[in-house]
Amino acid sequence: MFFGEIGDYILARAEYSLLRGGLKLELGGLIELGDEGNAVSFMPSLTYKIKDLVTFQLGGFLVTGNSSKIKFGTFKNDNILFCAFKTDF
């Protein structure tokens, strides 16, 4: 029941738009406070609206922690970088 247990978290997200909303900078974060240790996750991303229906996004998921006995601390060696194109129709 490791992932089914309730934990203590602090979650925050900030967003800033430039170029009349065509470029968006986002920074999200999560702090997990547990009895066995702590973990901090950063989720930055950059979104560029190429046209009305086409969007390019670059971002990541970076985790640091001092224990592998808590939920997000188990992912401390699994940092992710992603690149995405999105179209709406």
PDB file of N, CA and C in Angstrom:
ATOM      1  N   MET A   1       0.822  -1.206   0.000  1.00  0.00           N
ATOM      2  CA  MET A   1       0.000   0.000   0.000  1.00  0.00           C
ATOM      3  C   MET A   1       0.862   1.264   0.000  1.00  0.00           C
ATOM      4  N   PHE A   2       2.049   1.183  -0.566  1.00  0.00           N
ATOM      5  CA  PHE A   2       2.963   2.321  -0.561  1.00  0.00           C
ATOM      6  C   PHE A   2       2.349   3.547  -1.222  1.00  0.00           C
ATOM      7  N   PHE A   3       1.772   3.403  -2.423  1.00  0.00           N
ATOM      8  CA  PHE A   3       1.207   4.548  -3.130  1.00  0.00           C
ATOM      9  C   PHE A   3      -0.226   4.845  -2.711  1.00  0.00           C
ATOM     10  N   GLY A   4      -0.822   4.023  -1.868  1.00  0.00           N
ATOM     11  CA  GLY A   4      -2.180   4.272  -1.419  1.00  0.00           C
ATOM     12  C   GLY A   4      -2.266   5.065  -0.131  1.00  0.00           C
ATOM     13  N   GLU A   5      -1.129   5.272   0.528  1.00  0.00           N
ATOM     14  CA  GLU A   5      -1.135   5.995   1.796  1.00  0.00           C
ATOM     15  C   GLU A   5      -1.228   7.499   1.557  1.00  0.00           C
ATOM     16  N   ILE A   6      -1.884   8.183   2.469  1.00  0.00           N
ATOM     17  CA  ILE A   6      -2.008   9.632   2.404  1.00  0.00           C
ATOM     18  C   ILE A   6      -0.735  10.241   2.968  1.00  0.00           C
ATOM     19  N   GLY A   7      -0.242  11.307   2.315  1.00  0.00           N
ATOM     20  CA  GLY A   7       0.972  11.977   2.766  1.00  0.00           C
ATOM     21  C   GLY A   7       0.751  13.470   2.912  1.00  0.00           C
ATOM     22  N   ASP A   8       1.801  14.172   3.311  1.00  0.00           N
ATOM     23  CA  ASP A   8       1.765  15.626   3.451  1.00  0.00           C
ATOM     24  C   ASP A   8       2.527  16.243   2.288  1.00  0.00           C
ATOM     25  N   TYR A   9       1.865  17.143   1.545  1.00  0.00           N
ATOM     26  CA  TYR A   9       2.445  17.740   0.354  1.00  0.00           C
ATOM     27  C   TYR A   9       2.208  19.239   0.341  1.00  0.00           C
ATOM     28  N   ILE A  10       3.128  19.955  -0.269  1.00  0.00           N
ATOM     29  CA  ILE A  10       2.957  21.372  -0.587  1.00  0.00           C
ATOM     30  C   ILE A  10       3.146  21.466  -2.093  1.00  0.00           C
ATOM     31  N   LEU A  11       2.152  22.003  -2.776  1.00  0.00           N
ATOM     32  CA  LEU A  11       2.166  22.076  -4.230  1.00  0.00           C
ATOM     33  C   LEU A  11       2.006  23.534  -4.646  1.00  0.00           C
ATOM     34  N   ALA A  12       2.833  23.988  -5.616  1.00  0.00           N
ATOM     35  CA  ALA A  12       2.756  25.370  -6.094  1.00  0.00           C
ATOM     36  C   ALA A  12       2.982  25.393  -7.596  1.00  0.00           C
ATOM     37  N   ARG A  13       2.429  26.411  -8.239  1.00  0.00           N
ATOM     38  CA  ARG A  13       2.595  26.568  -9.681  1.00  0.00           C
ATOM     39  C   ARG A  13       2.554  28.049 -10.019  1.00  0.00           C
ATOM     40  N   ALA A  14       3.485  28.490 -10.863  1.00  0.00           N
ATOM     41  CA  ALA A  14       3.520  29.873 -11.326  1.00  0.00           C
ATOM     42  C   ALA A  14       3.582  29.865 -12.851  1.00  0.00           C
ATOM     43  N   GLU A  15       2.953  30.854 -13.440  1.00  0.00           N
ATOM     44  CA  GLU A  15       2.879  30.938 -14.900  1.00  0.00           C
ATOM     45  C   GLU A  15       3.053  32.384 -15.314  1.00  0.00           C
ATOM     46  N   TYR A  16       3.855  32.608 -16.362  1.00  0.00           N
ATOM     47  CA  TYR A  16       4.085  33.957 -16.862  1.00  0.00           C
ATOM     48  C   TYR A  16       3.989  33.936 -18.386  1.00  0.00           C
ATOM     49  N   SER A  17       3.182  34.816 -18.949  1.00  0.00           N
ATOM     50  CA  SER A  17       2.982  34.869 -20.398  1.00  0.00           C
ATOM     51  C   SER A  17       3.708  36.071 -20.997  1.00  0.00           C
ATOM     52  N   LEU A  18       4.300  35.852 -22.164  1.00  0.00           N
ATOM     53  CA  LEU A  18       4.999  36.888 -22.919  1.00  0.00           C
ATOM     54  C   LEU A  18       4.457  36.901 -24.343  1.00  0.00           C
ATOM     55  N   LEU A  19       4.804  37.906 -25.095  1.00  0.00           N
ATOM     56  CA  LEU A  19       4.443  38.012 -26.513  1.00  0.00           C
ATOM     57  C   LEU A  19       2.949  37.823 -26.740  1.00  0.00           C
ATOM     58  N   ARG A  20       2.147  38.528 -25.975  1.00  0.00           N
ATOM     59  CA  ARG A  20       0.670  38.478 -26.071  1.00  0.00           C
ATOM     60  C   ARG A  20       0.122  37.074 -25.903  1.00  0.00           C
ATOM     61  N   GLY A  21       0.718  36.314 -25.023  1.00  0.00           N
ATOM     62  CA  GLY A  21       0.254  34.966 -24.739  1.00  0.00           C
ATOM     63  C   GLY A  21       0.840  33.900 -25.649  1.00  0.00           C
ATOM     64  N   GLY A  22       1.714  34.284 -26.584  1.00  0.00           N
ATOM     65  CA  GLY A  22       2.303  33.324 -27.498  1.00  0.00           C
ATOM     66  C   GLY A  22       3.413  32.490 -26.874  1.00  0.00           C
ATOM     67  N   LEU A  23       4.027  33.000 -25.818  1.00  0.00           N
ATOM     68  CA  LEU A  23       5.094  32.294 -25.121  1.00  0.00           C
ATOM     69  C   LEU A  23       4.725  32.228 -23.645  1.00  0.00           C
ATOM     70  N   LYS A  24       4.762  31.045 -23.087  1.00  0.00           N
ATOM     71  CA  LYS A  24       4.354  30.864 -21.695  1.00  0.00           C
ATOM     72  C   LYS A  24       5.453  30.123 -20.932  1.00  0.00           C
ATOM     73  N   LEU A  25       5.899  30.705 -19.824  1.00  0.00           N
ATOM     74  CA  LEU A  25       6.861  30.082 -18.933  1.00  0.00           C
ATOM     75  C   LEU A  25       6.111  29.567 -17.709  1.00  0.00           C
ATOM     76  N   GLU A  26       6.327  28.309 -17.351  1.00  0.00           N
ATOM     77  CA  GLU A  26       5.630  27.715 -16.215  1.00  0.00           C
ATOM     78  C   GLU A  26       6.642  27.044 -15.295  1.00  0.00           C
ATOM     79  N   LEU A  27       6.401  27.165 -14.023  1.00  0.00           N
ATOM     80  CA  LEU A  27       7.226  26.478 -13.038  1.00  0.00           C
ATOM     81  C   LEU A  27       6.303  25.911 -11.978  1.00  0.00           C
ATOM     82  N   GLY A  28       6.334  24.605 -11.831  1.00  0.00           N
ATOM     83  CA  GLY A  28       5.543  23.929 -10.811  1.00  0.00           C
ATOM     84  C   GLY A  28       6.478  23.222  -9.856  1.00  0.00           C
ATOM     85  N   GLY A  29       6.004  22.978  -8.673  1.00  0.00           N
ATOM     86  CA  GLY A  29       6.828  22.292  -7.698  1.00  0.00           C
ATOM     87  C   GLY A  29       5.987  21.566  -6.671  1.00  0.00           C
ATOM     88  N   LEU A  30       6.575  20.535  -6.115  1.00  0.00           N
ATOM     89  CA  LEU A  30       5.907  19.740  -5.105  1.00  0.00           C
ATOM     90  C   LEU A  30       6.924  19.387  -4.029  1.00  0.00           C
ATOM     91  N   ILE A  31       6.558  19.597  -2.803  1.00  0.00           N
ATOM     92  CA  ILE A  31       7.394  19.211  -1.663  1.00  0.00           C
ATOM     93  C   ILE A  31       6.640  18.140  -0.903  1.00  0.00           C
ATOM     94  N   GLU A  32       7.282  17.014  -0.693  1.00  0.00           N
ATOM     95  CA  GLU A  32       6.684  15.924   0.073  1.00  0.00           C
ATOM     96  C   GLU A  32       7.364  15.864   1.433  1.00  0.00           C
ATOM     97  N   LEU A  33       6.573  15.934   2.462  1.00  0.00           N
ATOM     98  CA  LEU A  33       7.071  15.873   3.831  1.00  0.00           C
ATOM     99  C   LEU A  33       6.616  14.562   4.445  1.00  0.00           C
ATOM    100  N   GLY A  34       7.558  13.681   4.727  1.00  0.00           N
ATOM    101  CA  GLY A  34       7.210  12.379   5.270  1.00  0.00           C
ATOM    102  C   GLY A  34       7.989  12.061   6.526  1.00  0.00           C
ATOM    103  N   ASP A  35       7.543  11.052   7.233  1.00  0.00           N
ATOM    104  CA  ASP A  35       8.244  10.616   8.436  1.00  0.00           C
ATOM    105  C   ASP A  35       9.598  10.000   8.105  1.00  0.00           C
ATOM    106  N   GLU A  36       9.704   9.392   6.927  1.00  0.00           N
ATOM    107  CA  GLU A  36      10.934   8.709   6.515  1.00  0.00           C
ATOM    108  C   GLU A  36      11.911   9.627   5.789  1.00  0.00           C
ATOM    109  N   GLY A  37      11.489  10.837   5.402  1.00  0.00           N
ATOM    110  CA  GLY A  37      12.357  11.768   4.676  1.00  0.00           C
ATOM    111  C   GLY A  37      11.548  12.777   3.898  1.00  0.00           C
ATOM    112  N   ASN A  38      12.225  13.543   3.043  1.00  0.00           N
ATOM    113  CA  ASN A  38      11.589  14.588   2.255  1.00  0.00           C
ATOM    114  C   ASN A  38      11.982  14.443   0.794  1.00  0.00           C
ATOM    115  N   ALA A  39      11.161  15.007  -0.091  1.00  0.00           N
ATOM    116  CA  ALA A  39      11.466  15.033  -1.524  1.00  0.00           C
ATOM    117  C   ALA A  39      10.942  16.340  -2.106  1.00  0.00           C
ATOM    118  N   VAL A  40      11.653  16.853  -3.105  1.00  0.00           N
ATOM    119  CA  VAL A  40      11.257  18.080  -3.794  1.00  0.00           C
ATOM    120  C   VAL A  40      11.238  17.786  -5.289  1.00  0.00           C
ATOM    121  N   SER A  41      10.142  18.139  -5.951  1.00  0.00           N
ATOM    122  CA  SER A  41       9.998  17.930  -7.392  1.00  0.00           C
ATOM    123  C   SER A  41       9.821  19.282  -8.071  1.00  0.00           C
ATOM    124  N   PHE A  42      10.561  19.503  -9.158  1.00  0.00           N
ATOM    125  CA  PHE A  42      10.429  20.709  -9.968  1.00  0.00           C
ATOM    126  C   PHE A  42       9.874  20.304 -11.318  1.00  0.00           C
ATOM    127  N   MET A  43       8.908  21.092 -11.817  1.00  0.00           N
ATOM    128  CA  MET A  43       8.284  20.799 -13.102  1.00  0.00           C
ATOM    129  C   MET A  43       8.273  22.058 -13.967  1.00  0.00           C
ATOM    130  N   PRO A  44       9.417  22.424 -14.574  1.00  0.00           N
ATOM    131  CA  PRO A  44       9.445  23.605 -15.437  1.00  0.00           C
ATOM    132  C   PRO A  44       8.982  23.263 -16.854  1.00  0.00           C
ATOM    133  N   SER A  45       8.416  24.245 -17.543  1.00  0.00           N
ATOM    134  CA  SER A  45       8.074  24.045 -18.952  1.00  0.00           C
ATOM    135  C   SER A  45       8.011  25.385 -19.672  1.00  0.00           C
ATOM    136  N   LEU A  46       8.224  25.327 -20.967  1.00  0.00           N
ATOM    137  CA  LEU A  46       8.172  26.475 -21.855  1.00  0.00           C
ATOM    138  C   LEU A  46       7.244  26.100 -23.002  1.00  0.00           C
ATOM    139  N   THR A  47       6.210  26.895 -23.223  1.00  0.00           N
ATOM    140  CA  THR A  47       5.228  26.618 -24.268  1.00  0.00           C
ATOM    141  C   THR A  47       5.202  27.775 -25.254  1.00  0.00           C
ATOM    142  N   TYR A  48       5.323  27.451 -26.542  1.00  0.00           N
ATOM    143  CA  TYR A  48       5.287  28.455 -27.601  1.00  0.00           C
ATOM    144  C   TYR A  48       4.135  28.133 -28.552  1.00  0.00           C
ATOM    145  N   LYS A  49       3.259  29.102 -28.723  1.00  0.00           N
ATOM    146  CA  LYS A  49       2.116  28.936 -29.624  1.00  0.00           C
ATOM    147  C   LYS A  49       2.549  29.385 -31.017  1.00  0.00           C
ATOM    148  N   ILE A  50       2.785  28.409 -31.905  1.00  0.00           N
ATOM    149  CA  ILE A  50       3.288  28.695 -33.247  1.00  0.00           C
ATOM    150  C   ILE A  50       2.200  29.349 -34.098  1.00  0.00           C
ATOM    151  N   LYS A  51       1.044  28.743 -34.138  1.00  0.00           N
ATOM    152  CA  LYS A  51      -0.145  29.294 -34.802  1.00  0.00           C
ATOM    153  C   LYS A  51      -1.321  29.048 -33.881  1.00  0.00           C
ATOM    154  N   ASP A  52      -2.505  29.391 -34.318  1.00  0.00           N
ATOM    155  CA  ASP A  52      -3.680  29.217 -33.470  1.00  0.00           C
ATOM    156  C   ASP A  52      -3.897  27.774 -33.059  1.00  0.00           C
ATOM    157  N   LEU A  53      -3.560  26.827 -33.900  1.00  0.00           N
ATOM    158  CA  LEU A  53      -3.848  25.430 -33.622  1.00  0.00           C
ATOM    159  C   LEU A  53      -2.614  24.583 -33.348  1.00  0.00           C
ATOM    160  N   VAL A  54      -1.409  25.165 -33.381  1.00  0.00           N
ATOM    161  CA  VAL A  54      -0.174  24.396 -33.211  1.00  0.00           C
ATOM    162  C   VAL A  54       0.638  24.975 -32.057  1.00  0.00           C
ATOM    163  N   THR A  55       1.033  24.097 -31.136  1.00  0.00           N
ATOM    164  CA  THR A  55       1.788  24.495 -29.952  1.00  0.00           C
ATOM    165  C   THR A  55       3.005  23.592 -29.793  1.00  0.00           C
ATOM    166  N   PHE A  56       4.127  24.193 -29.408  1.00  0.00           N
ATOM    167  CA  PHE A  56       5.358  23.467 -29.113  1.00  0.00           C
ATOM    168  C   PHE A  56       5.639  23.612 -27.615  1.00  0.00           C
ATOM    169  N   GLN A  57       5.989  22.522 -26.954  1.00  0.00           N
ATOM    170  CA  GLN A  57       6.245  22.560 -25.518  1.00  0.00           C
ATOM    171  C   GLN A  57       7.529  21.810 -25.198  1.00  0.00           C
ATOM    172  N   LEU A  58       8.323  22.396 -24.303  1.00  0.00           N
ATOM    173  CA  LEU A  58       9.558  21.799 -23.819  1.00  0.00           C
ATOM    174  C   LEU A  58       9.516  21.883 -22.300  1.00  0.00           C
ATOM    175  N   GLY A  59       9.805  20.793 -21.629  1.00  0.00           N
ATOM    176  CA  GLY A  59       9.715  20.806 -20.173  1.00  0.00           C
ATOM    177  C   GLY A  59      10.449  19.650 -19.533  1.00  0.00           C
ATOM    178  N   GLY A  60      10.281  19.547 -18.239  1.00  0.00           N
ATOM    179  CA  GLY A  60      10.959  18.484 -17.512  1.00  0.00           C
ATOM    180  C   GLY A  60      10.312  18.195 -16.177  1.00  0.00           C
ATOM    181  N   PHE A  61      10.784  17.141 -15.562  1.00  0.00           N
ATOM    182  CA  PHE A  61      10.341  16.710 -14.236  1.00  0.00           C
ATOM    183  C   PHE A  61      11.602  16.299 -13.490  1.00  0.00           C
ATOM    184  N   LEU A  62      12.027  17.116 -12.545  1.00  0.00           N
ATOM    185  CA  LEU A  62      13.265  16.904 -11.819  1.00  0.00           C
ATOM    186  C   LEU A  62      12.956  16.653 -10.349  1.00  0.00           C
ATOM    187  N   VAL A  63      13.531  15.603  -9.794  1.00  0.00           N
ATOM    188  CA  VAL A  63      13.228  15.209  -8.418  1.00  0.00           C
ATOM    189  C   VAL A  63      14.516  15.099  -7.612  1.00  0.00           C
ATOM    190  N   THR A  64      14.484  15.637  -6.406  1.00  0.00           N
ATOM    191  CA  THR A  64      15.564  15.428  -5.445  1.00  0.00           C
ATOM    192  C   THR A  64      14.929  14.920  -4.167  1.00  0.00           C
ATOM    193  N   GLY A  65      15.659  14.164  -3.415  1.00  0.00           N
ATOM    194  CA  GLY A  65      15.116  13.641  -2.166  1.00  0.00           C
ATOM    195  C   GLY A  65      16.197  12.966  -1.356  1.00  0.00           C
ATOM    196  N   ASN A  66      15.893  12.727  -0.106  1.00  0.00           N
ATOM    197  CA  ASN A  66      16.897  12.108   0.756  1.00  0.00           C
ATOM    198  C   ASN A  66      16.493  10.719   1.224  1.00  0.00           C
ATOM    199  N   SER A  67      15.425  10.179   0.667  1.00  0.00           N
ATOM    200  CA  SER A  67      15.002   8.849   1.086  1.00  0.00           C
ATOM    201  C   SER A  67      14.235   8.163  -0.024  1.00  0.00           C
ATOM    202  N   SER A  68      14.445   6.876  -0.185  1.00  0.00           N
ATOM    203  CA  SER A  68      13.682   6.113  -1.170  1.00  0.00           C
ATOM    204  C   SER A  68      12.478   5.437  -0.524  1.00  0.00           C
ATOM    205  N   LYS A  69      12.168   5.790   0.728  1.00  0.00           N
ATOM    206  CA  LYS A  69      11.035   5.188   1.429  1.00  0.00           C
ATOM    207  C   LYS A  69       9.779   6.054   1.363  1.00  0.00           C
ATOM    208  N   ILE A  70       9.826   7.150   0.610  1.00  0.00           N
ATOM    209  CA  ILE A  70       8.649   7.992   0.426  1.00  0.00           C
ATOM    210  C   ILE A  70       8.288   7.995  -1.063  1.00  0.00           C
ATOM    211  N   LYS A  71       7.077   8.432  -1.400  1.00  0.00           N
ATOM    212  CA  LYS A  71       6.552   8.292  -2.759  1.00  0.00           C
ATOM    213  C   LYS A  71       7.439   8.934  -3.816  1.00  0.00           C
ATOM    214  N   PHE A  72       7.679  10.237  -3.729  1.00  0.00           N
ATOM    215  CA  PHE A  72       8.452  10.913  -4.758  1.00  0.00           C
ATOM    216  C   PHE A  72       9.948  10.733  -4.574  1.00  0.00           C
ATOM    217  N   GLY A  73      10.394  10.353  -3.420  1.00  0.00           N
ATOM    218  CA  GLY A  73      11.806  10.064  -3.205  1.00  0.00           C
ATOM    219  C   GLY A  73      12.282   8.859  -3.990  1.00  0.00           C
ATOM    220  N   THR A  74      11.383   7.951  -4.334  1.00  0.00           N
ATOM    221  CA  THR A  74      11.760   6.777  -5.130  1.00  0.00           C
ATOM    222  C   THR A  74      12.135   7.163  -6.564  1.00  0.00           C
ATOM    223  N   PHE A  75      11.715   8.345  -7.010  1.00  0.00           N
ATOM    224  CA  PHE A  75      12.003   8.805  -8.367  1.00  0.00           C
ATOM    225  C   PHE A  75      13.197   9.752  -8.434  1.00  0.00           C
ATOM    226  N   LYS A  76      14.010   9.820  -7.388  1.00  0.00           N
ATOM    227  CA  LYS A  76      15.085  10.816  -7.350  1.00  0.00           C
ATOM    228  C   LYS A  76      16.146  10.598  -8.423  1.00  0.00           C
ATOM    229  N   ASN A  77      16.264   9.410  -8.979  1.00  0.00           N
ATOM    230  CA  ASN A  77      17.225   9.157 -10.048  1.00  0.00           C
ATOM    231  C   ASN A  77      16.576   9.110 -11.419  1.00  0.00           C
ATOM    232  N   ASP A  78      15.293   9.436 -11.521  1.00  0.00           N
ATOM    233  CA  ASP A  78      14.541   9.329 -12.771  1.00  0.00           C
ATOM    234  C   ASP A  78      14.079  10.708 -13.247  1.00  0.00           C
ATOM    235  N   ASN A  79      14.990  11.571 -13.615  1.00  0.00           N
ATOM    236  CA  ASN A  79      14.631  12.885 -14.133  1.00  0.00           C
ATOM    237  C   ASN A  79      14.193  12.754 -15.577  1.00  0.00           C
ATOM    238  N   ILE A  80      13.208  13.577 -15.995  1.00  0.00           N
ATOM    239  CA  ILE A  80      12.597  13.464 -17.314  1.00  0.00           C
ATOM    240  C   ILE A  80      12.687  14.808 -18.031  1.00  0.00           C
ATOM    241  N   LEU A  81      13.021  14.781 -19.310  1.00  0.00           N
ATOM    242  CA  LEU A  81      12.984  15.937 -20.183  1.00  0.00           C
ATOM    243  C   LEU A  81      12.082  15.565 -21.358  1.00  0.00           C
ATOM    244  N   PHE A  82      11.148  16.460 -21.720  1.00  0.00           N
ATOM    245  CA  PHE A  82      10.242  16.131 -22.812  1.00  0.00           C
ATOM    246  C   PHE A  82      10.105  17.285 -23.793  1.00  0.00           C
ATOM    247  N   CYS A  83       9.738  16.927 -25.009  1.00  0.00           N
ATOM    248  CA  CYS A  83       9.497  17.865 -26.090  1.00  0.00           C
ATOM    249  C   CYS A  83       8.205  17.406 -26.780  1.00  0.00           C
ATOM    250  N   ALA A  84       7.272  18.318 -27.001  1.00  0.00           N
ATOM    251  CA  ALA A  84       5.985  17.921 -27.562  1.00  0.00           C
ATOM    252  C   ALA A  84       5.469  18.952 -28.562  1.00  0.00           C
ATOM    253  N   PHE A  85       4.827  18.449 -29.613  1.00  0.00           N
ATOM    254  CA  PHE A  85       4.061  19.280 -30.538  1.00  0.00           C
ATOM    255  C   PHE A  85       2.594  18.919 -30.337  1.00  0.00           C
ATOM    256  N   LYS A  86       1.758  19.919 -30.252  1.00  0.00           N
ATOM    257  CA  LYS A  86       0.342  19.667 -30.025  1.00  0.00           C
ATOM    258  C   LYS A  86      -0.455  20.428 -31.086  1.00  0.00           C
ATOM    259  N   THR A  87      -1.440  19.767 -31.640  1.00  0.00           N
ATOM    260  CA  THR A  87      -2.324  20.423 -32.584  1.00  0.00           C
ATOM    261  C   THR A  87      -3.771  20.170 -32.194  1.00  0.00           C
ATOM    262  N   ASP A  88      -4.592  21.169 -32.386  1.00  0.00           N
ATOM    263  CA  ASP A  88      -6.024  21.066 -32.093  1.00  0.00           C
ATOM    264  C   ASP A  88      -6.784  21.165 -33.408  1.00  0.00           C
ATOM    265  N   PHE A  89      -7.774  20.306 -33.553  1.00  0.00           N
ATOM    266  CA  PHE A  89      -8.602  20.371 -34.753  1.00  0.00           C
ATOM    267  C   PHE A  89     -10.014  19.974 -34.434  1.00  0.00           C
TER     268      PHE A  89
END
